[in-house]
N, C-alpha and C. Protein backbone atom coordinates (compact mmCIF):
# COMPACT_ATOMS: atom_id res chain seq x y z
N UNK A 1 -4.70 -0.12 -6.03
CA UNK A 1 -4.21 -0.50 -7.02
C UNK A 1 -4.66 -1.80 -7.66
N UNK A 2 -4.84 -1.75 -8.93
CA UNK A 2 -5.44 -2.91 -9.68
C UNK A 2 -4.45 -4.10 -9.73
N UNK A 3 -5.25 -5.19 -9.70
CA UNK A 3 -4.79 -6.48 -9.83
C UNK A 3 -4.02 -6.68 -10.98
N UNK A 4 -2.53 -7.21 -10.64
CA UNK A 4 -1.85 -7.43 -11.74
C UNK A 4 -0.64 -6.17 -12.25
N UNK A 5 -1.12 -5.23 -11.49
CA UNK A 5 0.03 -3.99 -11.52
C UNK A 5 1.41 -4.42 -11.17
N UNK A 6 2.33 -4.30 -11.79
CA UNK A 6 3.60 -4.48 -11.40
C UNK A 6 4.54 -3.18 -11.63
N UNK A 7 5.45 -3.10 -10.54
CA UNK A 7 6.52 -1.93 -10.96
C UNK A 7 7.79 -2.38 -10.22
N UNK A 8 8.75 -1.86 -11.24
CA UNK A 8 10.14 -2.09 -10.74
C UNK A 8 10.93 -1.20 -11.07
N UNK A 9 12.42 -1.26 -10.75
CA UNK A 9 13.40 -0.06 -11.02
C UNK A 9 13.91 -0.28 -12.49
N UNK A 10 13.44 -1.33 -13.11
CA UNK A 10 13.50 -1.56 -14.39
C UNK A 10 12.85 -0.46 -15.34
N UNK A 11 11.55 0.02 -15.01
CA UNK A 11 10.83 0.85 -15.85
C UNK A 11 11.08 2.30 -15.24
N UNK A 12 12.09 2.66 -14.37
CA UNK A 12 12.65 3.88 -14.72
C UNK A 12 13.19 4.47 -15.63
N UNK A 13 13.11 5.63 -15.96
CA UNK A 13 13.80 6.23 -17.39
C UNK A 13 15.32 5.99 -17.17
N UNK A 14 15.68 5.52 -18.46
CA UNK A 14 17.25 5.65 -18.65
C UNK A 14 17.94 6.62 -19.58
N UNK A 15 16.98 7.14 -20.48
CA UNK A 15 17.39 8.01 -21.30
C UNK A 15 17.38 9.44 -20.97
N UNK A 16 18.21 10.51 -21.15
CA UNK A 16 18.35 11.72 -20.79
C UNK A 16 17.23 12.40 -21.01
N UNK A 17 16.71 12.27 -22.42
CA UNK A 17 15.48 12.71 -22.79
C UNK A 17 14.25 12.70 -21.93
N UNK A 18 13.96 11.13 -21.58
CA UNK A 18 13.07 10.71 -20.57
C UNK A 18 13.06 11.21 -19.17
N UNK A 19 14.22 11.26 -18.76
CA UNK A 19 14.57 12.02 -17.46
C UNK A 19 14.32 13.44 -17.53
N UNK A 20 14.28 14.19 -18.59
CA UNK A 20 14.23 15.47 -18.32
C UNK A 20 12.69 15.95 -18.43
N UNK A 21 12.03 14.97 -19.45
CA UNK A 21 10.52 15.15 -19.49
C UNK A 21 10.02 15.04 -17.87
N UNK A 22 10.50 13.78 -17.40
CA UNK A 22 9.72 13.34 -16.04
C UNK A 22 10.05 14.33 -14.86
N UNK A 23 11.18 15.23 -15.29
CA UNK A 23 11.53 16.15 -14.15
C UNK A 23 10.94 17.29 -14.25
N UNK A 24 9.98 17.58 -15.06
CA UNK A 24 9.09 18.58 -15.23
C UNK A 24 7.56 17.98 -14.60
N UNK A 25 7.54 16.95 -14.13
CA UNK A 25 6.25 16.34 -13.85
C UNK A 25 6.04 16.62 -12.18
N UNK A 26 5.32 16.89 -11.51
CA UNK A 26 5.28 17.36 -9.96
C UNK A 26 5.03 15.81 -9.19
N UNK A 27 5.99 15.06 -9.54
CA UNK A 27 5.79 13.83 -8.70
C UNK A 27 5.90 13.62 -7.27
N UNK A 28 6.99 14.39 -6.85
CA UNK A 28 7.08 14.22 -5.52
C UNK A 28 5.99 15.17 -4.59
N UNK A 29 5.69 16.17 -5.30
CA UNK A 29 4.68 17.13 -4.31
C UNK A 29 3.20 16.21 -4.36
N UNK A 30 2.95 15.82 -5.51
CA UNK A 30 1.89 15.08 -5.79
C UNK A 30 1.63 13.87 -4.56
N UNK A 31 2.79 12.99 -4.50
CA UNK A 31 2.76 12.20 -3.57
C UNK A 31 2.95 12.81 -2.07
N UNK A 32 3.47 13.81 -1.75
CA UNK A 32 3.23 14.46 -0.53
C UNK A 32 1.84 14.70 -0.21
N UNK A 33 1.23 15.43 -1.09
CA UNK A 33 -0.36 15.90 -0.80
C UNK A 33 -1.28 14.42 -0.83
N UNK A 34 -0.99 13.46 -1.38
CA UNK A 34 -1.69 12.09 -1.29
C UNK A 34 -1.65 11.90 0.43
N UNK A 35 -0.10 11.65 0.56
CA UNK A 35 0.10 11.17 1.76
C UNK A 35 -0.30 12.10 2.94
N UNK A 36 -0.86 13.34 2.75
CA UNK A 36 -1.24 14.21 3.85
C UNK A 36 -2.87 13.94 3.98
N UNK A 37 -3.32 13.50 2.82
CA UNK A 37 -4.89 13.11 2.58
C UNK A 37 -4.90 11.53 3.30
N UNK A 38 -4.03 10.86 2.86
CA UNK A 38 -4.04 9.53 3.45
C UNK A 38 -3.89 9.36 4.96
N UNK A 39 -3.16 10.18 5.54
CA UNK A 39 -2.91 10.28 6.96
C UNK A 39 -4.34 10.73 7.83
N UNK A 40 -4.85 11.66 7.11
CA UNK A 40 -6.22 12.47 7.62
C UNK A 40 -7.61 11.45 7.18
N UNK A 41 -7.70 11.30 5.99
CA UNK A 41 -8.82 10.76 5.67
C UNK A 41 -8.79 9.23 4.89
N UNK A 42 -7.96 9.23 4.08
CA UNK A 42 -7.75 7.99 3.26
C UNK A 42 -7.01 7.03 3.69
N UNK A 43 -7.06 6.07 4.60
CA UNK A 43 -5.75 4.98 5.00
C UNK A 43 -5.66 3.99 4.01
N UNK A 44 -7.16 3.77 3.27
CA UNK A 44 -7.11 2.83 2.30
C UNK A 44 -6.03 2.98 0.96
N UNK A 45 -5.47 4.14 0.82
CA UNK A 45 -4.59 3.98 -0.17
C UNK A 45 -3.10 3.85 -0.06
N UNK A 46 -2.80 3.55 1.43
CA UNK A 46 -1.43 3.33 1.65
C UNK A 46 -0.56 2.68 1.03
N UNK A 47 -1.06 1.31 0.66
CA UNK A 47 -0.30 0.52 -0.25
C UNK A 47 0.12 0.90 -1.46
N UNK A 48 -0.87 1.22 -2.16
CA UNK A 48 -0.44 2.09 -3.35
C UNK A 48 0.22 3.32 -3.37
N UNK A 49 0.21 4.00 -2.34
CA UNK A 49 0.77 5.26 -2.32
C UNK A 49 2.51 4.76 -1.78
N UNK A 50 2.51 3.74 -1.19
CA UNK A 50 3.97 3.20 -0.70
C UNK A 50 4.88 2.79 -1.79
N UNK A 51 4.02 2.13 -2.64
CA UNK A 51 4.44 1.62 -4.10
C UNK A 51 5.12 2.78 -4.84
N UNK A 52 4.00 3.59 -5.01
CA UNK A 52 4.53 4.95 -5.81
C UNK A 52 5.58 5.71 -5.23
N UNK A 53 5.62 5.62 -3.96
CA UNK A 53 6.80 6.54 -3.13
C UNK A 53 8.02 6.02 -3.48
N UNK A 54 8.47 4.65 -3.69
CA UNK A 54 9.58 4.12 -4.12
C UNK A 54 10.42 4.83 -4.97
N UNK A 55 9.55 5.45 -5.93
CA UNK A 55 10.23 5.78 -7.22
C UNK A 55 10.24 7.69 -7.07
N UNK A 56 10.44 8.06 -6.00
CA UNK A 56 10.41 9.54 -6.35
C UNK A 56 11.56 10.14 -6.65
N UNK A 57 12.81 9.37 -6.78
CA UNK A 57 13.92 9.72 -7.04
C UNK A 57 14.04 9.65 -8.75
N UNK A 58 13.22 8.93 -9.13
CA UNK A 58 13.38 8.61 -10.64
C UNK A 58 12.11 7.76 -11.35
N UNK A 59 11.04 8.60 -11.24
CA UNK A 59 9.91 8.00 -11.82
C UNK A 59 9.53 7.81 -13.35
N UNK A 60 8.57 6.94 -13.95
CA UNK A 60 8.60 6.95 -15.25
C UNK A 60 6.96 7.23 -15.30
N UNK A 61 6.68 7.36 -16.69
CA UNK A 61 5.20 7.58 -16.66
C UNK A 61 4.44 6.49 -16.35
N UNK A 62 4.59 5.20 -16.10
CA UNK A 62 3.69 4.25 -15.88
C UNK A 62 3.69 4.66 -13.91
N UNK A 63 4.70 5.04 -13.37
CA UNK A 63 4.63 5.26 -11.94
C UNK A 63 3.49 6.66 -11.64
N UNK A 64 3.53 7.47 -12.70
CA UNK A 64 3.06 8.57 -12.61
C UNK A 64 1.61 8.69 -12.99
N UNK A 65 0.98 7.58 -13.80
CA UNK A 65 -0.14 6.79 -14.07
C UNK A 65 -0.80 6.33 -12.78
N UNK A 66 0.00 5.77 -12.04
CA UNK A 66 -0.58 4.97 -10.80
C UNK A 66 -0.83 6.49 -9.84
N UNK A 67 0.10 7.21 -9.70
CA UNK A 67 -0.15 8.47 -8.72
C UNK A 67 -1.52 8.84 -9.32
N UNK A 68 -1.98 9.34 -10.73
CA UNK A 68 -3.21 9.86 -11.15
C UNK A 68 -4.25 9.03 -10.94
N UNK A 69 -4.11 7.54 -10.79
CA UNK A 69 -5.06 6.82 -10.27
C UNK A 69 -5.66 6.77 -9.04
N UNK A 70 -4.39 6.71 -8.18
CA UNK A 70 -4.77 7.37 -6.73
C UNK A 70 -5.61 8.31 -6.70
N UNK A 71 -5.21 9.40 -7.20
CA UNK A 71 -6.20 10.85 -6.98
C UNK A 71 -7.52 10.63 -7.81
N UNK A 72 -7.57 9.79 -8.82
CA UNK A 72 -8.80 9.65 -9.13
C UNK A 72 -9.78 8.78 -8.37
N UNK A 73 -9.16 7.78 -7.68
CA UNK A 73 -9.97 7.04 -6.65
C UNK A 73 -10.50 7.78 -5.33
N UNK A 74 -9.30 8.55 -5.02
CA UNK A 74 -9.87 9.35 -3.79
C UNK A 74 -10.82 10.38 -4.15
N UNK A 75 -11.01 11.03 -5.38
CA UNK A 75 -12.03 11.86 -5.94
C UNK A 75 -13.44 11.11 -5.83
N UNK A 76 -13.36 10.04 -6.24
CA UNK A 76 -14.68 9.18 -6.61
C UNK A 76 -15.08 8.48 -5.13
N UNK A 77 -14.36 8.45 -3.97
CA UNK A 77 -14.60 8.08 -3.08
C UNK A 77 -14.66 9.17 -1.75
N UNK A 78 -14.83 10.33 -2.12
CA UNK A 78 -14.72 11.41 -1.11
C UNK A 78 -15.76 11.46 -0.17
N UNK A 79 -16.96 10.87 -0.61
CA UNK A 79 -18.19 10.63 0.33
C UNK A 79 -18.39 9.51 1.11
N UNK A 80 -17.50 8.46 0.81
CA UNK A 80 -17.33 7.50 1.54
C UNK A 80 -16.89 7.47 2.92
N UNK A 81 -17.26 6.95 3.96
CA UNK A 81 -16.57 6.96 5.23
C UNK A 81 -17.01 5.65 6.11
N UNK A 82 -16.30 5.80 7.17
CA UNK A 82 -16.49 4.72 8.25
C UNK A 82 -17.70 5.09 9.16
N UNK A 83 -18.59 3.99 9.67
CA UNK A 83 -19.44 4.23 10.87
C UNK A 83 -19.40 2.97 11.58
N UNK A 84 -19.12 3.02 12.91
CA UNK A 84 -18.76 2.17 13.88
C UNK A 84 -20.46 2.12 14.55
N UNK A 85 -20.88 0.89 15.03
CA UNK A 85 -21.92 0.66 15.95
C UNK A 85 -23.05 0.04 14.92
N UNK A 86 -24.19 0.30 15.60
CA UNK A 86 -25.28 -0.43 15.07
C UNK A 86 -25.57 -1.83 15.80
N UNK A 87 -24.52 -2.39 16.20
CA UNK A 87 -24.80 -3.60 16.76
C UNK A 87 -24.69 -3.71 18.73
N UNK A 88 -25.36 -4.29 19.38
CA UNK A 88 -25.42 -4.05 20.49
C UNK A 88 -24.29 -4.89 21.32
N UNK A 89 -23.82 -5.98 20.41
CA UNK A 89 -22.70 -6.65 21.10
C UNK A 89 -21.75 -6.30 20.34
N UNK A 90 -20.37 -6.14 20.84
CA UNK A 90 -19.04 -5.79 20.34
C UNK A 90 -18.59 -6.73 19.77
N UNK A 91 -18.63 -6.82 18.52
CA UNK A 91 -17.77 -7.87 17.41
C UNK A 91 -16.56 -7.60 16.88
N UNK A 92 -15.58 -8.31 17.15
CA UNK A 92 -14.12 -7.81 16.69
C UNK A 92 -13.85 -9.26 16.12
N UNK A 93 -13.10 -8.75 14.83
CA UNK A 93 -12.55 -9.98 13.83
C UNK A 93 -11.30 -9.35 13.35
N UNK A 94 -10.30 -10.31 13.27
CA UNK A 94 -8.90 -9.92 12.40
C UNK A 94 -8.68 -10.60 11.59
N UNK A 95 -8.22 -10.40 10.52
CA UNK A 95 -7.61 -10.87 9.07
C UNK A 95 -6.43 -10.68 8.95
N UNK A 96 -5.63 -11.72 8.19
CA UNK A 96 -3.93 -11.51 8.13
C UNK A 96 -3.97 -12.02 6.62
N UNK A 97 -2.85 -11.54 5.88
CA UNK A 97 -2.81 -12.36 4.60
C UNK A 97 -1.25 -11.82 4.19
N UNK A 98 -0.65 -12.49 3.18
CA UNK A 98 0.71 -12.24 2.88
C UNK A 98 0.62 -12.64 1.47
N UNK A 99 1.45 -12.05 0.65
CA UNK A 99 1.71 -12.34 -0.89
C UNK A 99 2.99 -12.52 -1.07
N UNK A 100 3.55 -13.59 -1.82
CA UNK A 100 4.51 -14.13 -1.92
C UNK A 100 5.50 -13.32 -3.16
N UNK A 101 6.66 -12.77 -2.47
CA UNK A 101 7.81 -11.98 -3.07
C UNK A 101 6.83 -10.96 -4.35
N UNK A 102 6.19 -10.28 -3.66
CA UNK A 102 5.67 -8.99 -4.28
C UNK A 102 6.70 -8.20 -5.23
N UNK A 103 7.53 -7.86 -4.38
CA UNK A 103 8.41 -6.65 -4.76
C UNK A 103 9.83 -7.81 -5.72
N UNK A 104 9.54 -7.61 -7.17
CA UNK A 104 10.48 -8.05 -8.11
C UNK A 104 11.93 -7.61 -7.86
N UNK A 105 12.10 -6.50 -7.25
CA UNK A 105 13.37 -5.89 -7.17
C UNK A 105 14.43 -6.59 -6.01
N UNK A 106 13.53 -6.91 -4.80
CA UNK A 106 14.40 -7.64 -3.90
C UNK A 106 13.62 -8.87 -3.34
N UNK A 107 12.55 -9.61 -3.84
CA UNK A 107 12.35 -10.73 -3.47
C UNK A 107 11.60 -10.70 -2.43
N UNK A 108 11.23 -9.58 -1.77
CA UNK A 108 10.45 -9.64 -0.55
C UNK A 108 8.57 -9.77 -0.74
N UNK A 109 8.27 -10.36 0.19
CA UNK A 109 6.78 -10.69 0.14
C UNK A 109 6.05 -9.41 1.12
N UNK A 110 4.83 -9.26 0.62
CA UNK A 110 4.20 -7.96 1.25
C UNK A 110 3.11 -8.74 2.36
N UNK A 111 3.02 -8.17 3.70
CA UNK A 111 2.33 -8.77 4.66
C UNK A 111 1.14 -7.75 5.13
N UNK A 112 0.06 -8.15 5.59
CA UNK A 112 -1.00 -7.12 5.85
C UNK A 112 -1.99 -7.93 7.08
N UNK A 113 -2.56 -6.82 7.59
CA UNK A 113 -3.34 -7.26 8.66
C UNK A 113 -4.40 -6.44 8.96
N UNK A 114 -5.77 -6.56 9.38
CA UNK A 114 -6.80 -5.62 9.68
C UNK A 114 -7.54 -6.37 10.98
N UNK A 115 -7.88 -5.31 11.84
CA UNK A 115 -8.88 -5.67 12.56
C UNK A 115 -10.19 -4.69 12.45
N UNK A 116 -11.17 -5.59 12.43
CA UNK A 116 -12.57 -4.79 12.38
C UNK A 116 -13.28 -4.99 13.45
N UNK A 117 -13.92 -3.76 14.16
CA UNK A 117 -14.97 -3.76 15.10
C UNK A 117 -16.29 -3.35 14.63
N UNK A 118 -17.38 -4.31 14.75
CA UNK A 118 -18.74 -3.88 14.32
C UNK A 118 -18.73 -3.40 12.77
N UNK A 119 -17.91 -3.98 11.82
CA UNK A 119 -17.93 -3.58 10.49
C UNK A 119 -16.91 -2.63 10.25
N UNK A 120 -16.41 -2.08 10.86
CA UNK A 120 -15.24 -0.82 10.80
C UNK A 120 -13.94 -1.19 11.11
N UNK A 121 -13.19 -0.80 10.21
CA UNK A 121 -11.56 -1.20 10.28
C UNK A 121 -11.08 -0.14 11.15
N UNK A 122 -10.26 -0.52 12.32
CA UNK A 122 -9.76 0.13 13.21
C UNK A 122 -8.13 0.04 13.27
N UNK A 123 -7.73 -0.83 13.09
CA UNK A 123 -6.07 -1.07 12.85
C UNK A 123 -5.84 -2.07 12.11
N UNK A 124 -4.85 -1.44 10.99
CA UNK A 124 -4.42 -2.37 9.84
C UNK A 124 -2.94 -2.15 9.60
N UNK A 125 -2.42 -2.76 8.71
CA UNK A 125 -0.90 -2.35 8.32
C UNK A 125 -0.61 -3.34 7.06
N UNK A 126 0.06 -2.66 6.04
CA UNK A 126 0.57 -3.35 5.06
C UNK A 126 2.13 -2.72 4.98
N UNK A 127 3.13 -3.63 4.94
CA UNK A 127 4.42 -3.56 4.76
C UNK A 127 4.97 -4.85 4.14
N UNK A 128 6.36 -4.82 3.96
CA UNK A 128 7.59 -5.42 3.17
C UNK A 128 7.72 -6.42 4.39
N UNK A 129 7.76 -7.77 4.44
CA UNK A 129 8.27 -8.57 5.52
C UNK A 129 9.81 -8.26 5.42
N UNK A 130 10.40 -8.47 6.61
CA UNK A 130 11.85 -8.03 6.65
C UNK A 130 12.81 -9.24 6.37
N UNK A 131 12.15 -10.59 6.10
CA UNK A 131 12.85 -11.51 5.66
C UNK A 131 12.19 -12.12 4.32
N UNK A 132 13.30 -12.66 3.75
CA UNK A 132 12.89 -13.22 2.37
C UNK A 132 12.42 -14.77 2.46
N UNK A 133 11.35 -15.10 2.03
CA UNK A 133 10.66 -16.39 2.36
C UNK A 133 10.99 -17.26 0.59
N UNK A 134 10.63 -18.57 1.23
CA UNK A 134 10.68 -19.38 -0.09
C UNK A 134 9.58 -20.01 -0.62
N UNK A 135 8.29 -19.56 0.53
CA UNK A 135 7.15 -20.02 -0.20
C UNK A 135 6.10 -19.00 0.39
N UNK A 136 4.69 -19.20 -0.16
CA UNK A 136 3.57 -18.38 0.58
C UNK A 136 3.40 -18.93 1.62
N UNK A 137 3.25 -20.31 2.09
CA UNK A 137 3.01 -20.71 3.60
C UNK A 137 4.09 -20.01 4.34
N UNK A 138 5.36 -19.91 4.03
CA UNK A 138 6.13 -19.42 4.79
C UNK A 138 5.86 -17.85 5.22
N UNK A 139 5.57 -17.29 4.09
CA UNK A 139 5.11 -15.81 4.38
C UNK A 139 3.92 -15.39 5.21
N UNK A 140 3.10 -16.53 5.00
CA UNK A 140 1.89 -16.45 5.79
C UNK A 140 2.17 -16.68 7.39
N UNK A 141 2.99 -17.41 7.51
CA UNK A 141 3.30 -18.04 8.84
C UNK A 141 4.00 -16.91 9.70
N UNK A 142 4.70 -16.12 9.04
CA UNK A 142 5.75 -15.21 9.61
C UNK A 142 4.54 -14.02 9.99
N UNK A 143 3.45 -13.64 9.13
CA UNK A 143 2.73 -12.43 9.44
C UNK A 143 1.99 -13.07 10.62
N UNK A 144 1.51 -13.96 10.56
CA UNK A 144 0.74 -14.72 11.78
C UNK A 144 1.56 -14.51 12.69
N UNK A 145 2.61 -15.49 12.96
CA UNK A 145 3.33 -15.13 14.16
C UNK A 145 3.99 -13.33 14.78
N UNK A 146 4.13 -12.66 13.60
CA UNK A 146 4.41 -11.23 14.16
C UNK A 146 3.17 -10.68 14.59
N UNK A 147 1.85 -10.72 14.20
CA UNK A 147 0.99 -10.04 14.63
C UNK A 147 0.34 -10.68 16.12
N UNK A 148 0.67 -11.97 16.37
CA UNK A 148 0.43 -12.72 17.62
C UNK A 148 1.43 -12.03 18.47
N UNK A 149 2.69 -11.94 18.24
CA UNK A 149 3.66 -11.14 18.95
C UNK A 149 3.31 -9.55 19.49
N UNK A 150 2.79 -9.03 18.53
CA UNK A 150 2.10 -7.58 18.77
C UNK A 150 0.98 -7.56 19.42
N UNK A 151 -0.09 -8.23 19.25
CA UNK A 151 -1.21 -8.42 19.95
C UNK A 151 -1.21 -8.95 21.27
N UNK A 152 -0.21 -10.09 21.53
CA UNK A 152 -0.43 -10.95 22.68
C UNK A 152 0.91 -10.60 23.51
N UNK A 153 1.56 -9.82 23.23
CA UNK A 153 2.97 -9.67 23.59
C UNK A 153 3.90 -10.66 23.69
């Protein structure tokens, strides 16, 4: 997703004419096709796809534009893949981040982490935090503590 793109329920069609027009768009089946490709080969589109999936029941033109952008990205990157190795020593890095109140509909923050071995991502997650936070510091503290609990028990 491009930086600065925001989606909410307020963008969903409200007029009968717009709902009828969007009902002809294969939104849900396209989401399903992207999801299949994401699981098999393109895990990097998981966040954008999760945002687009929220609006399957009532998508608008800008939501469908996001779906088409994901498809274009997948077409441009079909020859890109991960290669592990090249280092004699095993190097493991972990990164975490959180964004404050990403979802304007429910004020929840987005959390994410990634573990990298020798330059290739092996484990990652991006999801909404279960708790509503009051600051970016609190959101980042929660993602760090959740990750420590999962990794170290």
